[in-house]
Structure formats: C-alpha cells, structure tokens
Amino acid sequence: MKLTLIVSGILLLLSGLEFLNLGYWLSAPANEPAKADLIVTLGGGIGERDQMAVDLYKAG
C-alpha cells in the first residue's frame, strides 16, 4: 500500500512536470512553406485560410 502511494506520487509529480513543459513542445518554430503537389484547407475562420491557400497556389 505504501509503495503504491509512493509510486503514484512520483508518477503524478513527473506528469505535472511534463505538463509544465508542454508549451515548449507546442511552440516549435514553423518551417517556411515548401513546394507541394496538393494544398488542403481545413474549415474555420472567416476565409483567412482559404485566402492563404489561394496565395500559396498562386506563388507556385
């Protein structure tokens, strides 16, 4: 019982530390757009994504 509580506490502590560092993993620098054979636009927003897809298509 005591060992289970200790192990659970350690796992909870490690999970909390990983949660605090989550922003570092999610803020990876974006790469410059590369040439592709296909452009996919996901829904959402008020047309900014569609306009960006058109701009990328026209840029080649």
N, C-alpha and C. Protein backbone atom coordinates (compact mmCIF):
# COMPACT_ATOMS: atom_id res chain seq x y z
N MET A 1 0.82 -1.19 0.00
CA MET A 1 0.00 0.00 0.00
C MET A 1 0.87 1.25 0.00
N LYS A 2 1.88 1.26 0.85
CA LYS A 2 2.77 2.42 0.94
C LYS A 2 3.55 2.59 -0.36
N LEU A 3 4.01 1.47 -0.92
CA LEU A 3 4.77 1.52 -2.17
C LEU A 3 3.89 2.05 -3.31
N THR A 4 2.64 1.64 -3.33
CA THR A 4 1.71 2.11 -4.36
C THR A 4 1.51 3.62 -4.27
N LEU A 5 1.38 4.14 -3.07
CA LEU A 5 1.23 5.58 -2.88
C LEU A 5 2.48 6.34 -3.31
N ILE A 6 3.64 5.79 -2.99
CA ILE A 6 4.90 6.45 -3.37
C ILE A 6 5.05 6.48 -4.89
N VAL A 7 4.81 5.33 -5.52
CA VAL A 7 4.92 5.26 -6.98
C VAL A 7 3.89 6.18 -7.64
N SER A 8 2.67 6.19 -7.12
CA SER A 8 1.64 7.06 -7.68
C SER A 8 2.02 8.53 -7.52
N GLY A 9 2.59 8.89 -6.38
CA GLY A 9 3.03 10.26 -6.16
C GLY A 9 4.14 10.67 -7.11
N ILE A 10 5.08 9.78 -7.33
CA ILE A 10 6.18 10.07 -8.25
C ILE A 10 5.66 10.23 -9.67
N LEU A 11 4.75 9.35 -10.08
CA LEU A 11 4.18 9.46 -11.43
C LEU A 11 3.37 10.75 -11.58
N LEU A 12 2.66 11.12 -10.55
CA LEU A 12 1.89 12.36 -10.59
C LEU A 12 2.81 13.57 -10.69
N LEU A 13 3.90 13.54 -9.95
CA LEU A 13 4.88 14.63 -9.99
C LEU A 13 5.52 14.74 -11.38
N LEU A 14 5.92 13.60 -11.94
CA LEU A 14 6.53 13.61 -13.28
C LEU A 14 5.53 14.08 -14.33
N SER A 15 4.27 13.68 -14.20
CA SER A 15 3.25 14.13 -15.15
C SER A 15 3.05 15.64 -15.05
N GLY A 16 3.09 16.17 -13.83
CA GLY A 16 2.95 17.61 -13.64
C GLY A 16 4.10 18.37 -14.26
N LEU A 17 5.31 17.84 -14.13
CA LEU A 17 6.47 18.49 -14.73
C LEU A 17 6.38 18.48 -16.25
N GLU A 18 5.91 17.38 -16.81
CA GLU A 18 5.74 17.31 -18.27
C GLU A 18 4.67 18.29 -18.73
N PHE A 19 3.62 18.44 -17.95
CA PHE A 19 2.56 19.38 -18.31
C PHE A 19 3.08 20.81 -18.33
N LEU A 20 3.97 21.14 -17.38
CA LEU A 20 4.52 22.48 -17.35
C LEU A 20 5.42 22.76 -18.55
N ASN A 21 6.05 21.72 -19.09
CA ASN A 21 6.94 21.88 -20.25
C ASN A 21 6.21 21.69 -21.57
N LEU A 22 4.91 21.51 -21.54
CA LEU A 22 4.15 21.25 -22.75
C LEU A 22 4.22 22.42 -23.73
N GLY A 23 4.25 23.63 -23.23
CA GLY A 23 4.33 24.80 -24.10
C GLY A 23 5.59 24.81 -24.94
N TYR A 24 6.69 24.31 -24.38
CA TYR A 24 7.94 24.24 -25.14
C TYR A 24 7.78 23.32 -26.35
N TRP A 25 7.12 22.20 -26.17
CA TRP A 25 6.96 21.25 -27.27
C TRP A 25 5.97 21.77 -28.31
N LEU A 26 4.97 22.51 -27.86
CA LEU A 26 3.97 23.01 -28.80
C LEU A 26 4.41 24.27 -29.54
N SER A 27 5.44 24.94 -29.06
CA SER A 27 5.88 26.18 -29.70
C SER A 27 7.06 25.96 -30.62
N ALA A 28 7.11 24.80 -31.25
CA ALA A 28 8.19 24.52 -32.18
C ALA A 28 8.15 25.55 -33.31
N PRO A 29 9.30 26.01 -33.76
CA PRO A 29 9.29 27.02 -34.82
C PRO A 29 8.69 26.47 -36.11
N ALA A 30 7.90 27.29 -36.75
CA ALA A 30 7.25 26.88 -38.00
C ALA A 30 8.26 26.93 -39.14
N ASN A 31 8.15 25.98 -40.02
CA ASN A 31 9.02 25.95 -41.19
C ASN A 31 8.43 26.80 -42.29
N GLU A 32 9.27 27.26 -43.17
CA GLU A 32 8.80 28.00 -44.34
C GLU A 32 8.01 27.05 -45.23
N PRO A 33 6.98 27.55 -45.90
CA PRO A 33 6.21 26.69 -46.81
C PRO A 33 7.11 26.12 -47.90
N ALA A 34 6.90 24.87 -48.21
CA ALA A 34 7.68 24.19 -49.25
C ALA A 34 6.75 23.85 -50.40
N LYS A 35 7.33 23.64 -51.58
CA LYS A 35 6.53 23.27 -52.74
C LYS A 35 5.85 21.94 -52.47
N ALA A 36 4.58 21.85 -52.89
CA ALA A 36 3.79 20.64 -52.68
C ALA A 36 2.91 20.39 -53.89
N ASP A 37 2.42 19.17 -54.00
CA ASP A 37 1.52 18.81 -55.09
C ASP A 37 0.06 19.05 -54.75
N LEU A 38 -0.21 19.32 -53.47
CA LEU A 38 -1.58 19.43 -53.02
C LEU A 38 -1.67 20.45 -51.89
N ILE A 39 -2.73 21.25 -51.90
CA ILE A 39 -2.99 22.20 -50.82
C ILE A 39 -4.33 21.82 -50.20
N VAL A 40 -4.34 21.59 -48.89
CA VAL A 40 -5.56 21.22 -48.16
C VAL A 40 -5.90 22.37 -47.22
N THR A 41 -7.13 22.84 -47.28
CA THR A 41 -7.58 23.90 -46.39
C THR A 41 -8.61 23.33 -45.44
N LEU A 42 -8.35 23.43 -44.14
CA LEU A 42 -9.29 22.97 -43.14
C LEU A 42 -10.28 24.09 -42.85
N GLY A 43 -11.48 23.72 -42.44
CA GLY A 43 -12.52 24.70 -42.18
C GLY A 43 -12.23 25.56 -40.96
N GLY A 44 -12.94 26.66 -40.86
CA GLY A 44 -12.79 27.54 -39.71
C GLY A 44 -12.41 28.94 -40.14
N GLY A 45 -12.65 29.88 -39.26
CA GLY A 45 -12.31 31.26 -39.57
C GLY A 45 -13.31 31.89 -40.52
N ILE A 46 -12.93 33.03 -41.04
CA ILE A 46 -13.83 33.76 -41.96
C ILE A 46 -13.20 33.92 -43.32
N GLY A 47 -12.43 32.93 -43.74
CA GLY A 47 -11.85 32.95 -45.07
C GLY A 47 -10.36 33.18 -45.12
N GLU A 48 -9.72 33.40 -43.96
CA GLU A 48 -8.28 33.65 -43.99
C GLU A 48 -7.53 32.42 -44.50
N ARG A 49 -7.98 31.25 -44.09
CA ARG A 49 -7.30 30.03 -44.51
C ARG A 49 -7.46 29.80 -46.01
N ASP A 50 -8.66 30.05 -46.50
CA ASP A 50 -8.89 29.88 -47.94
C ASP A 50 -8.02 30.86 -48.73
N GLN A 51 -7.94 32.10 -48.26
CA GLN A 51 -7.14 33.10 -48.96
C GLN A 51 -5.66 32.72 -48.93
N MET A 52 -5.19 32.18 -47.80
CA MET A 52 -3.79 31.75 -47.72
C MET A 52 -3.53 30.61 -48.70
N ALA A 53 -4.49 29.69 -48.85
CA ALA A 53 -4.33 28.60 -49.81
C ALA A 53 -4.26 29.14 -51.23
N VAL A 54 -5.09 30.13 -51.55
CA VAL A 54 -5.05 30.75 -52.88
C VAL A 54 -3.71 31.45 -53.11
N ASP A 55 -3.22 32.17 -52.10
CA ASP A 55 -1.94 32.85 -52.21
C ASP A 55 -0.80 31.86 -52.42
N LEU A 56 -0.83 30.74 -51.68
CA LEU A 56 0.20 29.71 -51.83
C LEU A 56 0.14 29.10 -53.23
N TYR A 57 -1.08 28.86 -53.72
CA TYR A 57 -1.25 28.28 -55.05
C TYR A 57 -0.69 29.23 -56.12
N LYS A 58 -1.00 30.52 -56.00
CA LYS A 58 -0.51 31.48 -56.98
C LYS A 58 1.00 31.69 -56.90
N ALA A 59 1.56 31.50 -55.71
CA ALA A 59 3.02 31.65 -55.55
C ALA A 59 3.77 30.47 -56.15
N GLY A 60 3.08 29.39 -56.43
CA GLY A 60 3.74 28.24 -57.06
C GLY A 60 4.12 27.25 -56.03
